[in-house]
Amino acid sequence: MSARISRLTVIAALAVVALVGYAALVLAVAVTAARDQVASADAIAVLGAAQYNGRPSPVFKARLDHAAALYQRGAAPVVLVTGGIGAGDSVSEADVGERYLRQLGLPPQAVHALPPSPSTYASVRQVRQWFEGRDSRRVLFVSDGFHMLRLRIIAERAGLAPYTSSAPGSPIRGNARLNTGYMLAEGLKVPAAWLFQH
């Protein structure tokens, strides 16, 4: 009986430690999400989101609008757009984003659609490749706030000097329930990125 109680005690203690650790990670995600790090950079990199028949989704549009505003403020001389190709689509999110930014008036030489990338990790790798051969690798990432801690971890490991600025007009940010759900999910994705995405 005492051995069984001892095992249960150990299991309970481990569960408490895991819960506290998870709560600390979610808090770190929230703190990073609230921190705007706009700084002079070599490029602004927009993380892709869904597109619908050649039009950016509301989430993607908010990110692109924010990137355009940062470019107009002189934060960087070029905007890199990332994103994959969804099931049944023939055009990438990156291409849709590039077209949208040009429609906003950004000059063609200032906007680059990077090759399709289906994940955050793949998107950062594409950004890293764009910086190949350049001495400075200061990049200002634009995405939603919940995304920023994991994004910074992956970017730093890729040899970039990342700064982050979340899209203020994102529908995710404006929906407390949805935003909380994404942050809770990041509490699991952040350690996975730390352990496996090198």
C-alpha atoms as a PDB file:
ATOM      1  CA  MET A   1       0.000   0.000   0.000  1.00  0.00           C
ATOM      2  CA  SER A   2       2.770   2.442   0.939  1.00  0.00           C
ATOM      3  CA  ALA A   3       4.587   1.757  -2.364  1.00  0.00           C
ATOM      4  CA  ARG A   4       1.376   2.505  -4.246  1.00  0.00           C
ATOM      5  CA  ILE A   5       0.868   5.738  -2.301  1.00  0.00           C
ATOM      6  CA  SER A   6       4.473   6.672  -3.002  1.00  0.00           C
ATOM      7  CA  ARG A   7       3.985   6.148  -6.750  1.00  0.00           C
ATOM      8  CA  LEU A   8       0.800   8.204  -6.705  1.00  0.00           C
ATOM      9  CA  THR A   9       2.618  10.973  -4.856  1.00  0.00           C
ATOM     10  CA  VAL A  10       5.381  11.007  -7.470  1.00  0.00           C
ATOM     11  CA  ILE A  11       2.845  11.052 -10.310  1.00  0.00           C
ATOM     12  CA  ALA A  12       0.921  13.888  -8.654  1.00  0.00           C
ATOM     13  CA  ALA A  13       4.125  15.873  -8.103  1.00  0.00           C
ATOM     14  CA  LEU A  14       5.156  15.399 -11.742  1.00  0.00           C
ATOM     15  CA  ALA A  15       1.707  16.486 -12.894  1.00  0.00           C
ATOM     16  CA  VAL A  16       1.951  19.660 -10.797  1.00  0.00           C
ATOM     17  CA  VAL A  17       5.428  20.423 -12.177  1.00  0.00           C
ATOM     18  CA  ALA A  18       4.190  19.868 -15.745  1.00  0.00           C
ATOM     19  CA  LEU A  19       1.177  22.118 -15.173  1.00  0.00           C
ATOM     20  CA  VAL A  20       3.289  24.888 -13.642  1.00  0.00           C
ATOM     21  CA  GLY A  21       5.790  24.610 -16.496  1.00  0.00           C
ATOM     22  CA  TYR A  22       3.005  24.798 -19.075  1.00  0.00           C
ATOM     23  CA  ALA A  23       1.477  27.834 -17.344  1.00  0.00           C
ATOM     24  CA  ALA A  24       4.893  29.545 -17.347  1.00  0.00           C
ATOM     25  CA  LEU A  25       5.252  28.893 -21.093  1.00  0.00           C
ATOM     26  CA  VAL A  26       1.798  30.308 -21.845  1.00  0.00           C
ATOM     27  CA  LEU A  27       2.674  33.381 -19.772  1.00  0.00           C
ATOM     28  CA  ALA A  28       5.908  33.795 -21.749  1.00  0.00           C
ATOM     29  CA  VAL A  29       3.911  33.560 -24.986  1.00  0.00           C
ATOM     30  CA  ALA A  30       1.528  36.273 -23.735  1.00  0.00           C
ATOM     31  CA  VAL A  31       4.356  38.567 -22.589  1.00  0.00           C
ATOM     32  CA  THR A  32       6.177  38.226 -25.914  1.00  0.00           C
ATOM     33  CA  ALA A  33       2.919  38.839 -27.782  1.00  0.00           C
ATOM     34  CA  ALA A  34       2.433  42.144 -25.957  1.00  0.00           C
ATOM     35  CA  ARG A  35       5.966  43.383 -26.666  1.00  0.00           C
ATOM     36  CA  ASP A  36       6.298  45.411 -29.876  1.00  0.00           C
ATOM     37  CA  GLN A  37       9.906  45.401 -31.074  1.00  0.00           C
ATOM     38  CA  VAL A  38       9.759  47.705 -34.069  1.00  0.00           C
ATOM     39  CA  ALA A  39      13.355  48.585 -34.953  1.00  0.00           C
ATOM     40  CA  SER A  40      15.372  49.451 -38.024  1.00  0.00           C
ATOM     41  CA  ALA A  41      15.951  46.231 -39.949  1.00  0.00           C
ATOM     42  CA  ASP A  42      17.295  44.950 -43.247  1.00  0.00           C
ATOM     43  CA  ALA A  43      13.947  43.406 -44.152  1.00  0.00           C
ATOM     44  CA  ILE A  44      10.401  42.991 -42.905  1.00  0.00           C
ATOM     45  CA  ALA A  45       9.189  39.381 -43.132  1.00  0.00           C
ATOM     46  CA  VAL A  46       5.458  38.680 -43.167  1.00  0.00           C
ATOM     47  CA  LEU A  47       4.335  35.224 -42.067  1.00  0.00           C
ATOM     48  CA  GLY A  48       1.705  33.820 -44.383  1.00  0.00           C
ATOM     49  CA  ALA A  49      -1.880  32.962 -43.543  1.00  0.00           C
ATOM     50  CA  ALA A  50      -4.794  31.728 -45.601  1.00  0.00           C
ATOM     51  CA  GLN A  51      -5.780  33.251 -48.926  1.00  0.00           C
ATOM     52  CA  TYR A  52      -9.107  32.886 -50.678  1.00  0.00           C
ATOM     53  CA  ASN A  53      -9.142  32.845 -54.475  1.00  0.00           C
ATOM     54  CA  GLY A  54      -6.238  35.258 -54.709  1.00  0.00           C
ATOM     55  CA  ARG A  55      -7.356  37.515 -51.865  1.00  0.00           C
ATOM     56  CA  PRO A  56      -5.677  37.492 -48.448  1.00  0.00           C
ATOM     57  CA  SER A  57      -7.798  36.277 -45.569  1.00  0.00           C
ATOM     58  CA  PRO A  58      -8.640  38.878 -42.893  1.00  0.00           C
ATOM     59  CA  VAL A  59      -5.778  37.592 -40.715  1.00  0.00           C
ATOM     60  CA  PHE A  60      -3.292  37.705 -43.604  1.00  0.00           C
ATOM     61  CA  LYS A  61      -4.572  41.124 -44.716  1.00  0.00           C
ATOM     62  CA  ALA A  62      -3.991  42.537 -41.217  1.00  0.00           C
ATOM     63  CA  ARG A  63      -0.401  41.266 -41.283  1.00  0.00           C
ATOM     64  CA  LEU A  64       0.208  42.688 -44.757  1.00  0.00           C
ATOM     65  CA  ASP A  65      -1.340  46.057 -43.855  1.00  0.00           C
ATOM     66  CA  HIS A  66       0.919  46.258 -40.806  1.00  0.00           C
ATOM     67  CA  ALA A  67       3.987  45.344 -42.861  1.00  0.00           C
ATOM     68  CA  ALA A  68       3.089  48.036 -45.410  1.00  0.00           C
ATOM     69  CA  ALA A  69       2.736  50.622 -42.636  1.00  0.00           C
ATOM     70  CA  LEU A  70       6.119  49.618 -41.196  1.00  0.00           C
ATOM     71  CA  TYR A  71       7.700  49.914 -44.654  1.00  0.00           C
ATOM     72  CA  GLN A  72       6.171  53.370 -45.140  1.00  0.00           C
ATOM     73  CA  ARG A  73       7.621  54.391 -41.769  1.00  0.00           C
ATOM     74  CA  GLY A  74      11.081  53.353 -42.980  1.00  0.00           C
ATOM     75  CA  ALA A  75      11.514  50.315 -40.744  1.00  0.00           C
ATOM     76  CA  ALA A  76      13.166  48.392 -43.613  1.00  0.00           C
ATOM     77  CA  PRO A  77      13.791  48.816 -47.349  1.00  0.00           C
ATOM     78  CA  VAL A  78      12.169  45.544 -48.392  1.00  0.00           C
ATOM     79  CA  VAL A  79       9.240  43.324 -47.429  1.00  0.00           C
ATOM     80  CA  LEU A  80       9.554  39.534 -47.723  1.00  0.00           C
ATOM     81  CA  VAL A  81       6.308  37.582 -47.880  1.00  0.00           C
ATOM     82  CA  THR A  82       6.163  33.916 -46.872  1.00  0.00           C
ATOM     83  CA  GLY A  83       3.417  31.319 -47.107  1.00  0.00           C
ATOM     84  CA  GLY A  84       2.472  27.992 -48.556  1.00  0.00           C
ATOM     85  CA  ILE A  85       0.009  26.615 -51.071  1.00  0.00           C
ATOM     86  CA  GLY A  86      -3.199  25.335 -49.523  1.00  0.00           C
ATOM     87  CA  ALA A  87      -5.021  22.191 -50.587  1.00  0.00           C
ATOM     88  CA  GLY A  88      -6.747  22.808 -53.905  1.00  0.00           C
ATOM     89  CA  ASP A  89      -4.974  26.132 -54.451  1.00  0.00           C
ATOM     90  CA  SER A  90      -2.795  26.970 -57.425  1.00  0.00           C
ATOM     91  CA  VAL A  91      -1.169  30.087 -56.007  1.00  0.00           C
ATOM     92  CA  SER A  92       0.851  30.523 -52.810  1.00  0.00           C
ATOM     93  CA  GLU A  93       0.005  32.793 -49.922  1.00  0.00           C
ATOM     94  CA  ALA A  94       3.340  34.504 -50.557  1.00  0.00           C
ATOM     95  CA  ASP A  95       2.382  35.380 -54.147  1.00  0.00           C
ATOM     96  CA  VAL A  96      -1.027  36.665 -53.054  1.00  0.00           C
ATOM     97  CA  GLY A  97       0.629  38.764 -50.358  1.00  0.00           C
ATOM     98  CA  GLU A  98       3.147  40.215 -52.794  1.00  0.00           C
ATOM     99  CA  ARG A  99       0.375  41.211 -55.203  1.00  0.00           C
ATOM    100  CA  TYR A 100      -1.639  42.797 -52.390  1.00  0.00           C
ATOM    101  CA  LEU A 101       1.317  44.870 -51.176  1.00  0.00           C
ATOM    102  CA  ARG A 102       1.943  46.144 -54.701  1.00  0.00           C
ATOM    103  CA  GLN A 103      -1.711  47.151 -54.919  1.00  0.00           C
ATOM    104  CA  LEU A 104      -1.152  49.176 -51.756  1.00  0.00           C
ATOM    105  CA  GLY A 105       1.528  51.107 -53.623  1.00  0.00           C
ATOM    106  CA  LEU A 106       4.755  49.455 -52.515  1.00  0.00           C
ATOM    107  CA  PRO A 107       7.278  49.497 -55.382  1.00  0.00           C
ATOM    108  CA  PRO A 108       7.969  46.135 -57.093  1.00  0.00           C
ATOM    109  CA  GLN A 109      11.633  46.145 -56.056  1.00  0.00           C
ATOM    110  CA  ALA A 110      10.608  46.476 -52.403  1.00  0.00           C
ATOM    111  CA  VAL A 111       8.394  43.371 -52.246  1.00  0.00           C
ATOM    112  CA  HIS A 112       9.532  39.767 -52.654  1.00  0.00           C
ATOM    113  CA  ALA A 113       7.414  36.619 -52.487  1.00  0.00           C
ATOM    114  CA  LEU A 114       9.613  33.842 -51.128  1.00  0.00           C
ATOM    115  CA  PRO A 115       9.251  30.226 -52.333  1.00  0.00           C
ATOM    116  CA  PRO A 116       6.259  28.374 -50.865  1.00  0.00           C
ATOM    117  CA  SER A 117       6.749  27.301 -47.255  1.00  0.00           C
ATOM    118  CA  PRO A 118       4.143  25.187 -45.431  1.00  0.00           C
ATOM    119  CA  SER A 119       5.209  25.927 -41.848  1.00  0.00           C
ATOM    120  CA  THR A 120       6.760  28.545 -39.590  1.00  0.00           C
ATOM    121  CA  TYR A 121      10.030  26.628 -39.599  1.00  0.00           C
ATOM    122  CA  ALA A 122      10.094  26.430 -43.403  1.00  0.00           C
ATOM    123  CA  SER A 123       9.201  30.120 -43.693  1.00  0.00           C
ATOM    124  CA  VAL A 124      12.095  31.124 -41.451  1.00  0.00           C
ATOM    125  CA  ARG A 125      14.430  28.961 -43.529  1.00  0.00           C
ATOM    126  CA  GLN A 126      13.315  30.813 -46.657  1.00  0.00           C
ATOM    127  CA  VAL A 127      13.974  34.142 -44.952  1.00  0.00           C
ATOM    128  CA  ARG A 128      17.387  32.864 -43.875  1.00  0.00           C
ATOM    129  CA  GLN A 129      18.213  31.911 -47.444  1.00  0.00           C
ATOM    130  CA  TRP A 130      17.260  35.395 -48.647  1.00  0.00           C
ATOM    131  CA  PHE A 131      19.839  36.785 -46.217  1.00  0.00           C
ATOM    132  CA  GLU A 132      22.557  34.465 -47.544  1.00  0.00           C
ATOM    133  CA  GLY A 133      25.731  36.435 -48.273  1.00  0.00           C
ATOM    134  CA  ARG A 134      24.593  39.519 -46.363  1.00  0.00           C
ATOM    135  CA  ASP A 135      26.610  40.733 -43.389  1.00  0.00           C
ATOM    136  CA  SER A 136      23.630  42.040 -41.431  1.00  0.00           C
ATOM    137  CA  ARG A 137      20.633  39.808 -40.709  1.00  0.00           C
ATOM    138  CA  ARG A 138      18.268  42.104 -38.860  1.00  0.00           C
ATOM    139  CA  VAL A 139      14.745  41.065 -39.723  1.00  0.00           C
ATOM    140  CA  LEU A 140      11.453  42.423 -38.414  1.00  0.00           C
ATOM    141  CA  PHE A 141       8.870  39.616 -38.376  1.00  0.00           C
ATOM    142  CA  VAL A 142       5.200  40.460 -38.709  1.00  0.00           C
ATOM    143  CA  SER A 143       2.607  37.929 -37.590  1.00  0.00           C
ATOM    144  CA  ASP A 144       0.052  37.531 -34.816  1.00  0.00           C
ATOM    145  CA  GLY A 145       1.192  38.032 -31.247  1.00  0.00           C
ATOM    146  CA  PHE A 146       0.694  34.433 -30.128  1.00  0.00           C
ATOM    147  CA  HIS A 147       3.190  33.353 -32.809  1.00  0.00           C
ATOM    148  CA  MET A 148       6.092  35.547 -31.768  1.00  0.00           C
ATOM    149  CA  LEU A 149       7.903  33.547 -29.065  1.00  0.00           C
ATOM    150  CA  ARG A 150       8.157  30.418 -31.208  1.00  0.00           C
ATOM    151  CA  LEU A 151       9.099  32.532 -34.204  1.00  0.00           C
ATOM    152  CA  ARG A 152      11.945  34.180 -32.293  1.00  0.00           C
ATOM    153  CA  ILE A 153      13.313  30.836 -31.105  1.00  0.00           C
ATOM    154  CA  ILE A 154      13.387  29.403 -34.627  1.00  0.00           C
ATOM    155  CA  ALA A 155      14.811  32.599 -36.175  1.00  0.00           C
ATOM    156  CA  GLU A 156      17.617  32.939 -33.638  1.00  0.00           C
ATOM    157  CA  ARG A 157      18.624  29.336 -34.231  1.00  0.00           C
ATOM    158  CA  ALA A 158      18.670  30.051 -37.971  1.00  0.00           C
ATOM    159  CA  GLY A 159      21.295  32.739 -37.388  1.00  0.00           C
ATOM    160  CA  LEU A 160      18.977  35.710 -37.843  1.00  0.00           C
ATOM    161  CA  ALA A 161      18.701  38.775 -35.623  1.00  0.00           C
ATOM    162  CA  PRO A 162      14.911  38.793 -35.156  1.00  0.00           C
ATOM    163  CA  TYR A 163      12.597  41.551 -34.003  1.00  0.00           C
ATOM    164  CA  THR A 164       8.830  41.111 -33.835  1.00  0.00           C
ATOM    165  CA  SER A 165       5.774  43.287 -34.341  1.00  0.00           C
ATOM    166  CA  SER A 166       2.285  41.825 -34.212  1.00  0.00           C
ATOM    167  CA  ALA A 167      -0.498  42.985 -36.521  1.00  0.00           C
ATOM    168  CA  PRO A 168      -2.726  45.311 -34.465  1.00  0.00           C
ATOM    169  CA  GLY A 169      -5.773  44.834 -36.692  1.00  0.00           C
ATOM    170  CA  SER A 170      -5.792  41.049 -36.704  1.00  0.00           C
ATOM    171  CA  PRO A 171      -9.191  39.423 -36.095  1.00  0.00           C
ATOM    172  CA  ILE A 172      -7.407  36.955 -33.824  1.00  0.00           C
ATOM    173  CA  ARG A 173      -6.160  39.749 -31.593  1.00  0.00           C
ATOM    174  CA  GLY A 174      -9.643  41.233 -31.485  1.00  0.00           C
ATOM    175  CA  ASN A 175     -11.240  37.971 -30.355  1.00  0.00           C
ATOM    176  CA  ALA A 176     -10.217  37.208 -26.762  1.00  0.00           C
ATOM    177  CA  ARG A 177     -11.490  33.630 -26.836  1.00  0.00           C
ATOM    178  CA  LEU A 178      -9.766  32.797 -30.120  1.00  0.00           C
ATOM    179  CA  ASN A 179      -6.548  34.527 -29.104  1.00  0.00           C
ATOM    180  CA  THR A 180      -6.465  32.659 -25.795  1.00  0.00           C
ATOM    181  CA  GLY A 181      -6.929  29.367 -27.624  1.00  0.00           C
ATOM    182  CA  TYR A 182      -3.970  30.083 -29.876  1.00  0.00           C
ATOM    183  CA  MET A 183      -1.817  31.061 -26.906  1.00  0.00           C
ATOM    184  CA  LEU A 184      -2.714  27.871 -25.054  1.00  0.00           C
ATOM    185  CA  ALA A 185      -1.742  25.870 -28.141  1.00  0.00           C
ATOM    186  CA  GLU A 186       1.580  27.712 -28.301  1.00  0.00           C
ATOM    187  CA  GLY A 187       2.307  26.496 -24.775  1.00  0.00           C
ATOM    188  CA  LEU A 188       2.786  23.075 -26.413  1.00  0.00           C
ATOM    189  CA  LYS A 189       4.330  24.245 -29.705  1.00  0.00           C
ATOM    190  CA  VAL A 190       7.074  26.360 -28.121  1.00  0.00           C
ATOM    191  CA  PRO A 191       8.817  23.459 -26.320  1.00  0.00           C
ATOM    192  CA  ALA A 192       8.451  21.324 -29.461  1.00  0.00           C
ATOM    193  CA  ALA A 193      10.180  24.068 -31.468  1.00  0.00           C
ATOM    194  CA  TRP A 194      12.883  24.352 -28.817  1.00  0.00           C
ATOM    195  CA  LEU A 195      13.550  20.608 -28.829  1.00  0.00           C
ATOM    196  CA  PHE A 196      13.176  19.650 -32.480  1.00  0.00           C
ATOM    197  CA  GLN A 197      13.429  22.638 -34.840  1.00  0.00           C
ATOM    198  CA  HIS A 198      17.161  23.291 -35.182  1.00  0.00           C
END
